[in-house]
Amino acid sequence: MANSLLTGISGLRGHQKMLEVIGNNLANVNTTAFKTSRTLFSDLIYESQRGASAGTAGTLGSVNPLQIGTGSQVTSVDRNFSQGNLESTGEDLDAAIDGDGFFVAESGNGRVFTRSGAFSIDETGHLEDSSTGYLLQRFGSLGEDSGEGPAFQTPADGRIHIPIGASILGTVTTQIELSGQLGANSTGPTQRVITGGSLTTGGGTPAIGAVLLNDLDSSISDYEGPTAGPPPTPGDLIRLFGAQADGTVIDSSFSVDGTTTLQDLVDQLGTLYPASTVSLVNGAITVTANATGTTSHSMVIQDEFGNVGAQDSSFTGQFDLTVAGNDGTVVSGSLPIYDERGTEHTLGYELAKQTDNSWTLTADLDPAAGTILDGIVSGIQFGADGSLTQVTGTGIGDGNIEVRFANSTSAHIIAIDLGTLGDIDGLSEIGTSPNVSFLADGFSPGELQSVQIDADGTISGIGSNGLKFAIAQLAIAAFRNPDGLENAGGNYYGESLASGNAEIGTALSGDRGAIRAGQLEGSNVDLALEFTKLLVAQRGFSANARTITVTDEVLEELTNIIR
C-alpha cells in the first residue's frame, strides 16, 4: 500500500515541475528573444512480482513477467529554439537574428551568448548590452585597417568601438567611376558643306576643271574678253558674294573671258574662303569647312549686270546646304573631387564623340585649385550592342588623368573607371539620349554621426561628410547542439559539454542567419498552447493527488478492521 502513496507523490512532484516550466514560459511571454521550454516525463523503476518464464513445448505456454511501476519522473526540460516574430523598433543599434546563431558577448567571466539584440554604446564608445554591461564581440579584422576608411578597432581587442562624434580625416580622390548611357543615336562632329547645282558639258557629262565656262551646257551666250582698242575696256564679270566660315562678308567680282575655265573659278573661290576647301565634285562646286562644328560660310554666284554673256540659274543660283556642321554629341558637367587634405574642388568634364565614332573624355580644373597635367582619356569605343569594348588612348589619353593640386608639390593620378569591357555595367552607348553620371571617391573632413547594421553583421559608420565605411563586423556563434546550452539568466546562455564549443563566424555564413537591423526578436511563447498545457498539468496533478487520497482511505479502512 505504501508504494501507491510514493507513486502518487512522484506524479505530484513531476506535474509541479511541469507547472513551474509553464509558469516560466507565461512569465516571459514578452521577454525579448525568449525561447519556451517543455517538460518531458519518464516512468521509474519497476517492482517485479514474478519473473517471465518460457513455455514447455506441447504442454504449457510462456508466462509474462509481473511488474508494478513506482511512479514517474521529469526526464528533461527541453528548449524550443524556433524563430520568434521580428518586431520593428526603428533603433539603429537594435538587431535581430533571422535564422540560427547567437550574438557573442564578454561578461567579465567569459563568453556568453544571446539572441537579444537590444544594444547601446557605453561611455567609452564600446557596443554593449546596457541591461548587463556585457560587451559585444566582433569577428575578423574589419575596421582595423585605415586604408579602407577610418580605423576605430584595435587589433587583438574583440570589443566593438563606435566613437560617435569622432573626427574623420578627409581622403584624396583616387578613382572616378562613369556610368550611364551616351545614346545609341549619338553622332560625331561634322563639317559644314554647301554645294552648287550640277554643271555638265557635252549634253550631260559632269564638268571637269579644264572645261571652259563658255562650254558649259548651262551657258546661254559666250563670255567676252576686254573690248579692243586703247585703252581696253573691262570684259565680263562674275559676282561672288556670301560669308566666310567666321562670318566675314564676301563681295567680290571675278573677271572672265572666253579662256576662263571652271577650275579658274574654283581657284578664285578658294582664295575667298581660306577656312574652307573649295572643290569640284561630280560637276558641282562644293565648299567644305576645314573645321568641324557650326560655321557661317555661304556662297552665291551670279553674272554681273551688263555682261555680254549670261548663265542660267543652275550656275548662278543660291548654293544649298548639304551637310550641317555641328560639334557632334557632347556630354558635359562637373563633379566634386578632393585633394590630399580633403579639400573639395570642382572638376569639369566633357565627353565628345569623334569623327571615327570613338569618344574622348576631357577634364578641366580651376587654375586656383590646381593644374591638369593629363586631362584626356581618348579612344573610348563601343561595340554594336553598345557595350564598352576598349580604350585605345596612351600616354596623355590613357585611362587616367593627372592633377597637381595647388597645395601639393607632387602630381596625383586619378583612375577613370568606365566599366567592364564587353558589358554595359558602366558607360554604354545605348538609349535614346545621353544620361551619364560620375561618382568620385574621396571625402572632405567630417565626424561620425550614426551607424547602420547590414545583413551580414557589418556595422557601417555614416559621417557628416557623407562617407560610409565599415567599422566592425558582429561575431555570431553557432552550436552543434544549441539545446545543450545552459541558461545564464538575463537572456544569456553559456556553453556546456552537451552544446559543444561555440563556432564563431559571421552572419550569412555556414548555418548562421541574417541580421535584421532596427528590429528585435520577440518571445516564441504560444499562449494558446501554454494555457492548454496548464490545464493538462492541472489534471495530472489532481489525478495524482486523487491516488494519494484513495490510498489514504484504503489504509484507514485497513486500520479499522480490528475495531
Protein backbone atom coordinates (compact mmCIF):
# COMPACT_ATOMS: atom_id res chain seq x y z
CA MET A 1 0.00 0.00 0.00
CA ALA A 2 2.87 2.35 0.76
CA ASN A 3 4.06 2.08 -2.85
CA SER A 4 0.88 3.69 -4.17
CA LEU A 5 1.50 6.66 -1.89
CA LEU A 6 5.04 7.06 -3.24
CA THR A 7 3.80 6.66 -6.81
CA GLY A 8 1.26 9.43 -6.33
CA ILE A 9 3.86 11.66 -4.73
CA SER A 10 6.21 11.20 -7.72
CA GLY A 11 3.38 12.26 -10.01
CA LEU A 12 2.71 15.32 -7.86
CA ARG A 13 6.35 16.30 -7.97
CA GLY A 14 6.62 15.84 -11.74
CA HIS A 15 3.48 17.81 -12.52
CA GLN A 16 4.54 20.50 -10.08
CA LYS A 17 7.74 20.89 -12.16
CA MET A 18 5.62 20.98 -15.29
CA LEU A 19 3.56 23.81 -13.79
CA GLU A 20 6.78 25.65 -12.96
CA VAL A 21 8.04 25.34 -16.54
CA ILE A 22 4.71 26.51 -17.96
CA GLY A 23 4.61 29.36 -15.47
CA ASN A 24 8.10 30.43 -16.53
CA ASN A 25 7.01 30.39 -20.18
CA LEU A 26 3.99 32.55 -19.41
CA ALA A 27 6.05 34.92 -17.27
CA ASN A 28 8.36 35.53 -20.25
CA VAL A 29 5.67 35.98 -22.88
CA ASN A 30 7.05 39.49 -23.58
CA THR A 31 10.75 38.79 -22.92
CA THR A 32 12.96 39.68 -25.89
CA ALA A 33 14.11 36.59 -27.80
CA PHE A 34 12.86 34.24 -25.04
CA LYS A 35 12.67 30.58 -26.00
CA THR A 36 9.95 28.38 -24.47
CA SER A 37 10.65 25.10 -22.68
CA ARG A 38 8.69 21.88 -22.41
CA THR A 39 8.63 19.19 -19.72
CA LEU A 40 9.25 15.55 -20.64
CA PHE A 41 8.42 12.64 -18.29
CA SER A 42 9.58 9.05 -17.99
CA ASP A 43 8.48 6.19 -15.78
CA LEU A 44 10.55 4.98 -12.80
CA ILE A 45 11.91 1.55 -11.95
CA TYR A 46 9.51 -1.36 -11.62
CA GLU A 47 8.95 -3.84 -8.74
CA SER A 48 8.99 -7.38 -10.14
CA GLN A 49 6.36 -9.64 -8.57
CA ARG A 50 7.07 -12.51 -10.89
CA GLY A 51 9.66 -13.19 -13.47
CA ALA A 52 8.99 -14.32 -17.02
CA SER A 53 9.28 -17.99 -17.95
CA ALA A 54 9.47 -19.89 -21.19
CA GLY A 55 6.79 -22.33 -22.24
CA THR A 56 7.06 -26.17 -22.48
CA ALA A 57 6.55 -27.48 -25.98
CA GLY A 58 3.20 -29.18 -26.29
CA THR A 59 2.32 -28.71 -22.63
CA LEU A 60 2.45 -25.14 -21.30
CA GLY A 61 2.83 -21.67 -22.79
CA SER A 62 5.19 -18.94 -21.63
CA VAL A 63 4.41 -16.77 -18.59
CA ASN A 64 4.79 -12.97 -18.83
CA PRO A 65 6.60 -11.01 -16.14
CA LEU A 66 4.52 -9.35 -13.45
CA GLN A 67 5.85 -5.82 -12.69
CA ILE A 68 4.36 -2.90 -10.84
CA GLY A 69 5.60 0.64 -11.54
CA THR A 70 6.78 3.02 -8.86
CA GLY A 71 5.76 6.33 -10.47
CA SER A 72 7.16 8.97 -12.87
CA GLN A 73 9.96 11.49 -13.02
CA VAL A 74 10.90 14.60 -15.02
CA THR A 75 13.38 13.36 -17.60
CA SER A 76 14.27 16.68 -19.22
CA VAL A 77 13.19 20.24 -19.80
CA ASP A 78 13.83 20.99 -23.49
CA ARG A 79 14.02 24.43 -25.10
CA ASN A 80 12.25 25.33 -28.31
CA PHE A 81 14.64 27.44 -30.42
CA SER A 82 12.09 28.19 -33.14
CA GLN A 83 12.19 31.71 -34.60
CA GLY A 84 10.28 34.40 -32.72
CA ASN A 85 8.46 37.20 -34.53
CA LEU A 86 10.63 40.13 -35.62
CA GLU A 87 9.35 43.43 -34.28
CA SER A 88 10.45 46.76 -35.79
CA THR A 89 11.83 49.29 -33.31
CA GLY A 90 13.44 51.91 -35.54
CA GLU A 91 16.54 51.99 -33.32
CA ASP A 92 19.86 51.95 -35.23
CA LEU A 93 21.58 49.69 -32.71
CA ASP A 94 18.78 47.14 -32.33
CA ALA A 95 19.40 43.90 -34.20
CA ALA A 96 17.70 40.55 -34.54
CA ILE A 97 18.98 37.27 -35.94
CA ASP A 98 16.71 35.87 -38.64
CA GLY A 99 17.71 32.22 -38.53
CA ASP A 100 20.21 30.31 -36.42
CA GLY A 101 23.01 31.75 -34.32
CA PHE A 102 23.74 33.82 -31.23
CA PHE A 103 25.36 37.18 -30.55
CA VAL A 104 28.63 36.87 -28.64
CA ALA A 105 29.33 38.99 -25.55
CA GLU A 106 32.04 39.19 -22.93
CA SER A 107 30.69 39.04 -19.37
CA GLY A 108 33.95 39.51 -17.47
CA ASN A 109 33.87 35.84 -16.52
CA GLY A 110 33.98 34.51 -20.05
CA ARG A 111 31.93 34.44 -23.18
CA VAL A 112 28.16 34.30 -23.11
CA PHE A 113 25.64 34.11 -25.93
CA THR A 114 22.29 35.73 -26.57
CA ARG A 115 19.54 36.16 -29.15
CA SER A 116 18.54 39.53 -27.70
CA GLY A 117 19.96 42.40 -29.77
CA ALA A 118 18.96 45.49 -27.78
CA PHE A 119 22.39 47.17 -27.85
CA SER A 120 23.72 50.59 -26.89
CA ILE A 121 27.05 52.41 -26.62
CA ASP A 122 28.76 52.86 -23.25
CA GLU A 123 30.69 55.87 -22.01
CA THR A 124 33.91 54.63 -23.65
CA GLY A 125 32.25 54.20 -27.05
CA HIS A 126 32.00 50.40 -26.96
CA LEU A 127 28.95 48.42 -28.03
CA GLU A 128 27.23 46.83 -25.03
CA ASP A 129 24.08 45.31 -23.61
CA SER A 130 23.13 48.13 -21.26
CA SER A 131 20.98 45.82 -19.10
CA THR A 132 24.00 43.74 -18.09
CA GLY A 133 27.02 45.76 -19.18
CA TYR A 134 28.24 42.83 -21.26
CA LEU A 135 30.36 43.96 -24.23
CA LEU A 136 29.51 42.68 -27.70
CA GLN A 137 32.30 40.98 -29.61
CA ARG A 138 33.41 41.34 -33.22
CA PHE A 139 34.79 38.89 -35.76
CA GLY A 140 37.74 39.35 -38.11
CA SER A 141 39.90 42.41 -38.74
CA LEU A 142 37.30 44.66 -40.34
CA GLY A 143 37.77 48.24 -39.10
CA GLU A 144 41.44 47.81 -38.17
CA ASP A 145 42.98 48.96 -41.48
CA SER A 146 42.92 52.70 -42.10
CA GLY A 147 43.46 52.05 -45.81
CA GLU A 148 39.80 51.03 -46.05
CA GLY A 149 38.46 54.03 -44.13
CA PRO A 150 38.76 55.34 -40.58
CA ALA A 151 40.14 52.59 -38.31
CA PHE A 152 38.42 52.55 -34.90
CA GLN A 153 39.22 48.96 -33.90
CA THR A 154 42.34 47.83 -32.05
CA PRO A 155 43.96 44.58 -33.22
CA ALA A 156 43.55 41.68 -30.73
CA ASP A 157 40.77 43.58 -28.91
CA GLY A 158 37.47 41.83 -29.56
CA ARG A 159 35.32 44.73 -28.37
CA ILE A 160 33.48 46.92 -30.89
CA HIS A 161 34.48 50.57 -30.68
CA ILE A 162 31.93 53.04 -32.10
CA PRO A 163 33.09 56.58 -31.14
CA ILE A 164 30.11 58.70 -32.19
CA GLY A 165 31.34 62.25 -32.85
CA ALA A 166 34.91 61.18 -33.62
CA SER A 167 36.72 63.15 -36.33
CA ILE A 168 37.06 61.63 -39.80
CA LEU A 169 40.03 62.81 -41.86
CA GLY A 170 39.48 63.84 -45.44
CA THR A 171 40.66 61.48 -48.19
CA VAL A 172 42.04 62.20 -51.63
CA THR A 173 40.19 61.21 -54.79
CA THR A 174 41.81 58.18 -56.42
CA GLN A 175 39.09 56.98 -58.77
CA ILE A 176 36.18 58.33 -60.78
CA GLU A 177 33.52 55.90 -61.98
CA LEU A 178 31.44 56.66 -65.07
CA SER A 179 28.07 55.03 -65.62
CA GLY A 180 25.04 55.61 -67.76
CA GLN A 181 24.31 55.82 -71.45
CA LEU A 182 25.65 58.02 -74.24
CA GLY A 183 22.75 57.39 -76.60
CA ALA A 184 22.59 54.95 -79.48
CA ASN A 185 21.89 57.83 -81.89
CA SER A 186 24.83 59.98 -80.83
CA THR A 187 26.84 61.43 -83.70
CA GLY A 188 30.36 62.67 -84.26
CA PRO A 189 31.22 66.23 -85.33
CA THR A 190 30.60 67.23 -88.95
CA GLN A 191 31.94 69.89 -91.31
CA ARG A 192 29.56 72.36 -92.92
CA VAL A 193 29.20 71.65 -96.63
CA ILE A 194 27.38 73.76 -99.22
CA THR A 195 27.01 72.58 -102.79
CA GLY A 196 26.01 74.30 -106.02
CA GLY A 197 23.95 72.92 -108.87
CA SER A 198 25.33 70.20 -111.13
CA LEU A 199 27.36 71.61 -114.06
CA THR A 200 27.54 69.50 -117.18
CA THR A 201 29.09 69.61 -120.61
CA GLY A 202 28.58 67.73 -123.81
CA GLY A 203 24.93 67.11 -123.20
CA GLY A 204 25.01 65.85 -119.63
CA THR A 205 28.57 64.76 -118.73
CA PRO A 206 29.69 66.17 -115.31
CA ALA A 207 32.02 69.05 -115.98
CA ILE A 208 35.70 68.87 -115.03
CA GLY A 209 38.00 71.73 -114.10
CA ALA A 210 39.53 72.10 -117.60
CA VAL A 211 36.18 72.83 -119.19
CA LEU A 212 35.73 76.43 -120.39
CA LEU A 213 32.88 78.32 -118.79
CA ASN A 214 31.62 79.02 -122.28
CA ASP A 215 31.39 75.27 -122.96
CA LEU A 216 29.07 74.51 -120.06
CA ASP A 217 25.65 73.22 -121.09
CA SER A 218 24.07 75.94 -119.00
CA SER A 219 25.76 78.79 -120.93
CA ILE A 220 23.32 80.85 -122.93
CA SER A 221 25.92 83.07 -124.64
CA ASP A 222 29.69 83.31 -124.53
CA TYR A 223 31.68 85.42 -122.10
CA GLU A 224 33.68 88.11 -123.98
CA GLY A 225 37.14 89.43 -123.33
CA PRO A 226 38.17 93.10 -122.98
CA THR A 227 36.94 95.40 -125.72
CA ALA A 228 39.65 96.07 -128.37
CA GLY A 229 41.25 99.45 -128.72
CA PRO A 230 43.19 101.68 -126.39
CA PRO A 231 42.55 101.77 -123.60
CA PRO A 232 40.94 98.34 -123.32
CA THR A 233 37.60 98.22 -121.56
CA PRO A 234 36.77 95.60 -118.90
CA GLY A 235 35.33 92.28 -120.01
CA ASP A 236 32.55 90.24 -118.45
CA LEU A 237 32.43 89.75 -114.66
CA ILE A 238 31.04 87.09 -112.34
CA ARG A 239 29.99 88.38 -108.97
CA LEU A 240 30.92 86.27 -105.94
CA PHE A 241 29.42 87.05 -102.57
CA GLY A 242 28.43 85.31 -99.33
CA ALA A 243 30.23 84.78 -95.99
CA GLN A 244 33.38 83.07 -94.81
CA ALA A 245 33.36 80.43 -92.01
CA ASP A 246 33.91 83.11 -89.35
CA GLY A 247 31.08 85.25 -90.72
CA THR A 248 33.25 87.72 -92.68
CA VAL A 249 31.20 89.07 -95.59
CA ILE A 250 32.43 88.34 -99.12
CA ASP A 251 31.52 90.60 -102.02
CA SER A 252 33.90 90.21 -104.95
CA SER A 253 33.92 90.19 -108.74
CA PHE A 254 35.86 87.75 -110.92
CA SER A 255 36.84 88.83 -114.46
CA VAL A 256 36.14 86.16 -117.08
CA ASP A 257 36.50 85.78 -120.82
CA GLY A 258 36.45 83.11 -123.45
CA THR A 259 39.56 81.40 -121.97
CA THR A 260 38.33 81.13 -118.35
CA THR A 261 37.98 77.54 -117.16
CA LEU A 262 35.79 76.11 -114.45
CA GLN A 263 38.96 75.40 -112.42
CA ASP A 264 39.88 79.11 -112.61
CA LEU A 265 36.56 79.90 -110.94
CA VAL A 266 37.14 77.22 -108.28
CA ASP A 267 40.63 78.58 -107.54
CA GLN A 268 39.29 82.10 -107.19
CA LEU A 269 36.67 80.86 -104.72
CA GLY A 270 39.43 79.07 -102.78
CA THR A 271 41.18 82.39 -102.16
CA LEU A 272 37.95 83.93 -100.89
CA TYR A 273 37.30 81.07 -98.42
CA PRO A 274 40.61 80.46 -96.58
CA ALA A 275 38.95 78.48 -93.76
CA SER A 276 37.23 76.13 -96.19
CA THR A 277 38.11 73.85 -99.08
CA VAL A 278 36.53 74.60 -102.45
CA SER A 279 36.46 71.65 -104.84
CA LEU A 280 34.68 70.32 -107.89
CA VAL A 281 32.81 67.13 -107.08
CA ASN A 282 30.96 65.38 -109.92
CA GLY A 283 30.47 68.65 -111.70
CA ALA A 284 29.24 70.56 -108.64
CA ILE A 285 31.19 73.29 -106.85
CA THR A 286 31.43 72.25 -103.19
CA VAL A 287 32.61 74.35 -100.24
CA THR A 288 33.62 72.29 -97.17
CA ALA A 289 34.61 73.91 -93.87
CA ASN A 290 38.07 72.81 -92.75
CA ALA A 291 36.96 72.56 -89.13
CA THR A 292 34.03 70.67 -87.66
CA GLY A 293 31.24 72.49 -85.92
CA THR A 294 28.79 75.20 -86.77
CA THR A 295 30.10 77.84 -89.18
CA SER A 296 28.60 80.69 -91.21
CA HIS A 297 30.06 80.16 -94.66
CA SER A 298 27.67 80.63 -97.58
CA MET A 299 28.03 81.33 -101.31
CA VAL A 300 26.20 82.93 -104.20
CA ILE A 301 27.49 83.12 -107.80
CA GLN A 302 25.78 85.26 -110.41
CA ASP A 303 26.57 87.16 -113.57
CA GLU A 304 27.34 90.81 -113.15
CA PHE A 305 24.74 93.12 -114.66
CA GLY A 306 25.82 94.32 -118.11
CA ASN A 307 27.73 91.16 -119.08
CA VAL A 308 27.70 90.27 -122.71
CA GLY A 309 27.47 86.61 -121.76
CA ALA A 310 24.99 85.19 -119.26
CA GLN A 311 24.48 81.98 -117.23
CA ASP A 312 21.20 80.36 -116.26
CA SER A 313 20.04 79.56 -112.72
CA SER A 314 21.80 76.19 -112.50
CA PHE A 315 25.10 78.05 -112.26
CA THR A 316 24.16 81.33 -110.69
CA GLY A 317 21.52 80.16 -108.20
CA GLN A 318 21.86 80.10 -104.36
CA PHE A 319 24.12 77.33 -103.11
CA ASP A 320 22.34 74.80 -100.91
CA LEU A 321 23.44 73.43 -97.53
CA THR A 322 24.02 69.69 -97.89
CA VAL A 323 25.70 68.90 -94.51
CA ALA A 324 25.03 70.93 -91.37
CA GLY A 325 28.24 71.49 -89.48
CA ASN A 326 27.99 70.64 -85.79
CA ASP A 327 30.12 69.69 -82.81
CA GLY A 328 28.62 66.20 -82.51
CA THR A 329 27.22 64.74 -79.32
CA VAL A 330 28.82 66.34 -76.27
CA VAL A 331 28.04 65.48 -72.64
CA SER A 332 29.43 67.85 -70.05
CA GLY A 333 29.13 68.64 -66.38
CA SER A 334 31.12 68.77 -63.17
CA LEU A 335 31.71 66.75 -60.03
CA PRO A 336 33.50 67.25 -56.70
CA ILE A 337 36.97 65.79 -56.17
CA TYR A 338 39.22 66.04 -53.11
CA ASP A 339 42.91 66.74 -52.60
CA GLU A 340 45.23 65.12 -50.06
CA ARG A 341 43.85 67.29 -47.26
CA GLY A 342 40.24 66.51 -48.13
CA THR A 343 39.62 69.96 -49.60
CA GLU A 344 36.86 69.87 -52.18
CA HIS A 345 37.44 71.09 -55.74
CA THR A 346 35.21 71.06 -58.80
CA LEU A 347 36.38 69.03 -61.78
CA GLY A 348 34.74 69.88 -65.08
CA TYR A 349 34.35 67.14 -67.68
CA GLU A 350 33.27 66.78 -71.29
CA LEU A 351 32.59 63.64 -73.28
CA ALA A 352 32.66 64.33 -77.01
CA LYS A 353 32.06 61.90 -79.85
CA GLN A 354 34.73 61.97 -82.55
CA THR A 355 34.57 61.59 -86.32
CA ASP A 356 35.76 57.95 -86.02
CA ASN A 357 32.81 57.23 -83.68
CA SER A 358 35.06 56.94 -80.64
CA TRP A 359 34.67 59.20 -77.61
CA THR A 360 37.13 61.46 -75.83
CA LEU A 361 36.87 62.49 -72.20
CA THR A 362 38.39 65.86 -71.36
CA ALA A 363 38.75 67.19 -67.81
CA ASP A 364 39.48 70.71 -66.61
CA LEU A 365 40.14 72.32 -63.24
CA ASP A 366 40.05 75.87 -61.94
CA PRO A 367 43.66 77.15 -62.03
CA ALA A 368 43.25 78.31 -58.44
CA ALA A 369 42.60 74.69 -57.41
CA GLY A 370 45.46 73.13 -59.34
CA THR A 371 46.83 72.18 -62.73
CA ILE A 372 45.64 69.42 -65.05
CA LEU A 373 48.77 67.65 -66.28
CA ASP A 374 46.85 64.99 -68.19
CA GLY A 375 43.14 65.61 -68.60
CA ILE A 376 42.33 63.40 -71.58
CA VAL A 377 41.06 59.85 -71.97
CA SER A 378 40.77 59.07 -75.68
CA GLY A 379 39.78 56.17 -77.90
CA ILE A 380 36.73 55.17 -75.84
CA GLN A 381 34.96 52.74 -78.14
CA PHE A 382 31.74 50.73 -78.03
CA GLY A 383 30.53 47.62 -79.83
CA ALA A 384 27.48 47.11 -81.99
CA ASP A 385 25.43 46.24 -78.90
CA GLY A 386 26.52 49.43 -77.15
CA SER A 387 28.87 47.71 -74.69
CA LEU A 388 32.28 49.13 -73.85
CA THR A 389 34.95 47.43 -76.00
CA GLN A 390 38.23 49.26 -75.40
CA VAL A 391 40.12 52.41 -74.53
CA THR A 392 42.93 52.89 -77.01
CA GLY A 393 44.46 56.09 -75.66
CA THR A 394 48.07 56.00 -74.44
CA GLY A 395 50.18 58.50 -72.51
CA ILE A 396 48.14 61.67 -72.43
CA GLY A 397 44.94 59.97 -73.44
CA ASP A 398 45.20 56.77 -71.42
CA GLY A 399 42.69 55.63 -68.77
CA ASN A 400 43.94 58.01 -66.07
CA ILE A 401 44.03 61.74 -65.53
CA GLU A 402 46.81 63.50 -63.66
CA VAL A 403 46.38 66.53 -61.42
CA ARG A 404 48.73 68.66 -59.35
CA PHE A 405 46.65 70.32 -56.64
CA ALA A 406 47.55 73.85 -55.63
CA ASN A 407 48.59 72.84 -52.10
CA SER A 408 50.68 69.87 -53.29
CA THR A 409 54.14 69.62 -54.81
CA SER A 410 53.60 66.25 -56.47
CA ALA A 411 51.29 65.04 -59.19
CA HIS A 412 48.27 62.92 -58.27
CA ILE A 413 46.84 60.24 -60.57
CA ILE A 414 43.08 59.59 -60.68
CA ALA A 415 41.94 56.37 -62.36
CA ILE A 416 38.93 56.64 -64.67
CA ASP A 417 36.70 53.56 -64.38
CA LEU A 418 34.48 53.22 -67.45
CA GLY A 419 33.11 49.78 -66.54
CA THR A 420 33.78 46.19 -67.59
CA LEU A 421 34.90 45.57 -71.16
CA GLY A 422 32.20 43.77 -73.11
CA ASP A 423 29.50 44.80 -70.64
CA ILE A 424 27.12 47.70 -70.03
CA ASP A 425 27.64 47.87 -66.25
CA GLY A 426 29.44 51.20 -66.57
CA LEU A 427 29.42 53.55 -69.55
CA SER A 428 27.48 52.35 -72.60
CA GLU A 429 26.31 53.64 -75.95
CA ILE A 430 22.65 52.72 -75.64
CA GLY A 431 19.37 54.52 -75.01
CA THR A 432 17.70 57.36 -76.82
CA SER A 433 19.61 60.25 -75.25
CA PRO A 434 22.77 60.79 -73.20
CA ASN A 435 22.39 60.33 -69.45
CA VAL A 436 25.76 59.99 -67.75
CA SER A 437 26.64 60.07 -64.05
CA PHE A 438 30.04 60.35 -62.39
CA LEU A 439 30.99 59.09 -58.94
CA ALA A 440 34.30 60.04 -57.36
CA ASP A 441 35.76 58.62 -54.18
CA GLY A 442 37.44 60.83 -51.57
CA PHE A 443 35.76 62.95 -48.92
CA SER A 444 36.12 66.15 -47.03
CA PRO A 445 36.78 66.01 -43.26
CA GLY A 446 33.78 65.25 -41.04
CA GLU A 447 32.72 63.34 -37.96
CA LEU A 448 30.99 60.03 -37.21
CA GLN A 449 27.26 60.74 -36.90
CA SER A 450 25.46 57.40 -36.94
CA VAL A 451 25.77 53.72 -37.76
CA GLN A 452 23.81 51.09 -39.62
CA ILE A 453 23.99 47.30 -39.46
CA ASP A 454 23.96 45.24 -42.65
CA ALA A 455 22.52 41.75 -43.12
CA ASP A 456 25.97 40.13 -42.73
CA GLY A 457 26.52 41.89 -39.42
CA THR A 458 28.79 44.60 -40.80
CA ILE A 459 28.44 47.77 -38.73
CA SER A 460 28.94 50.74 -41.06
CA GLY A 461 29.62 54.28 -39.94
CA ILE A 462 27.96 57.28 -41.59
CA GLY A 463 29.96 60.50 -41.49
CA SER A 464 28.71 64.06 -41.64
CA ASN A 465 30.62 64.33 -44.93
CA GLY A 466 28.56 61.52 -46.49
CA LEU A 467 31.29 58.91 -46.10
CA LYS A 468 30.10 55.37 -45.37
CA PHE A 469 32.73 52.97 -44.09
CA ALA A 470 32.92 49.62 -42.27
CA ILE A 471 33.52 49.93 -38.52
CA ALA A 472 33.43 46.24 -37.49
CA GLN A 473 31.52 43.00 -38.03
CA LEU A 474 29.42 41.32 -35.35
CA ALA A 475 30.57 37.89 -34.19
CA ILE A 476 27.85 35.24 -34.48
CA ALA A 477 28.16 31.87 -32.71
CA ALA A 478 26.73 28.57 -33.89
CA PHE A 479 26.48 25.33 -31.88
CA ARG A 480 26.20 21.71 -32.92
CA ASN A 481 23.61 21.22 -30.15
CA PRO A 482 22.04 24.52 -29.06
CA ASP A 483 19.60 22.56 -26.83
CA GLY A 484 22.61 21.73 -24.70
CA LEU A 485 23.29 25.38 -23.77
CA GLU A 486 22.91 26.36 -20.13
CA ASN A 487 20.67 29.28 -19.18
CA ALA A 488 22.73 32.04 -17.60
CA GLY A 489 19.86 34.49 -16.96
CA GLY A 490 19.45 37.93 -18.44
CA ASN A 491 18.62 36.40 -21.86
CA TYR A 492 22.07 34.79 -21.99
CA TYR A 493 23.29 31.24 -22.45
CA GLY A 494 26.58 29.57 -21.60
CA GLU A 495 28.48 26.75 -23.22
CA SER A 496 28.24 23.24 -21.77
CA LEU A 497 29.72 19.86 -22.53
CA ALA A 498 26.45 18.95 -24.25
CA SER A 499 26.30 22.03 -26.50
CA GLY A 500 29.82 21.69 -27.82
CA ASN A 501 32.19 24.57 -28.40
CA ALA A 502 30.96 27.78 -30.00
CA GLU A 503 31.80 28.07 -33.70
CA ILE A 504 32.35 31.80 -34.19
CA GLY A 505 31.83 33.36 -37.59
CA THR A 506 29.72 35.97 -39.34
CA ALA A 507 26.06 36.21 -40.24
CA LEU A 508 25.06 34.63 -43.56
CA SER A 509 27.96 32.17 -43.35
CA GLY A 510 27.56 28.49 -42.64
CA ASP A 511 24.23 27.84 -40.93
CA ARG A 512 24.11 31.31 -39.39
CA GLY A 513 21.13 33.52 -40.18
CA ALA A 514 20.88 37.12 -41.35
CA ILE A 515 20.97 40.25 -39.20
CA ARG A 516 17.86 42.44 -39.32
CA ALA A 517 18.71 45.97 -38.24
CA GLY A 518 16.21 48.12 -36.36
CA GLN A 519 14.31 45.03 -35.20
CA LEU A 520 14.16 42.78 -32.14
CA GLU A 521 13.14 39.15 -31.93
CA GLY A 522 10.07 38.55 -29.79
CA SER A 523 9.33 35.64 -27.46
CA ASN A 524 8.19 32.45 -29.15
CA VAL A 525 5.69 31.65 -26.35
CA ASP A 526 2.39 30.36 -27.80
CA LEU A 527 -0.24 31.45 -25.25
CA ALA A 528 -2.93 29.08 -26.54
CA LEU A 529 -0.56 26.12 -26.30
CA GLU A 530 0.73 27.11 -22.87
CA PHE A 531 -2.80 27.51 -21.45
CA THR A 532 -3.68 24.08 -22.82
CA LYS A 533 -0.60 22.60 -21.20
CA LEU A 534 -1.56 24.37 -18.00
CA LEU A 535 -4.88 22.52 -17.94
CA VAL A 536 -3.14 19.23 -18.71
CA ALA A 537 -0.68 19.79 -15.85
CA GLN A 538 -3.52 20.67 -13.51
CA ARG A 539 -5.42 17.49 -14.43
CA GLY A 540 -2.26 15.43 -13.98
CA PHE A 541 -1.61 16.96 -10.58
CA SER A 542 -5.24 16.40 -9.50
CA ALA A 543 -5.18 12.79 -10.68
CA ASN A 544 -2.04 12.00 -8.70
CA ALA A 545 -3.47 13.77 -5.65
CA ARG A 546 -6.54 11.53 -6.02
CA THR A 547 -4.24 8.46 -5.96
CA ILE A 548 -2.87 9.59 -2.59
CA THR A 549 -6.37 10.34 -1.25
CA VAL A 550 -7.74 6.94 -2.24
CA THR A 551 -4.71 5.16 -0.83
CA ASP A 552 -5.15 7.03 2.44
CA GLU A 553 -8.81 5.98 2.61
CA VAL A 554 -7.92 2.35 1.96
CA LEU A 555 -5.27 2.42 4.67
CA GLU A 556 -7.84 3.90 7.04
CA GLU A 557 -10.26 1.08 6.23
CA LEU A 558 -7.47 -1.40 6.88
CA THR A 559 -6.76 0.02 10.33
CA ASN A 560 -10.50 -0.03 11.15
CA ILE A 561 -10.76 -3.79 10.61
CA ILE A 562 -9.56 -4.56 14.17
CA ARG A 563 -12.07 -2.26 15.77
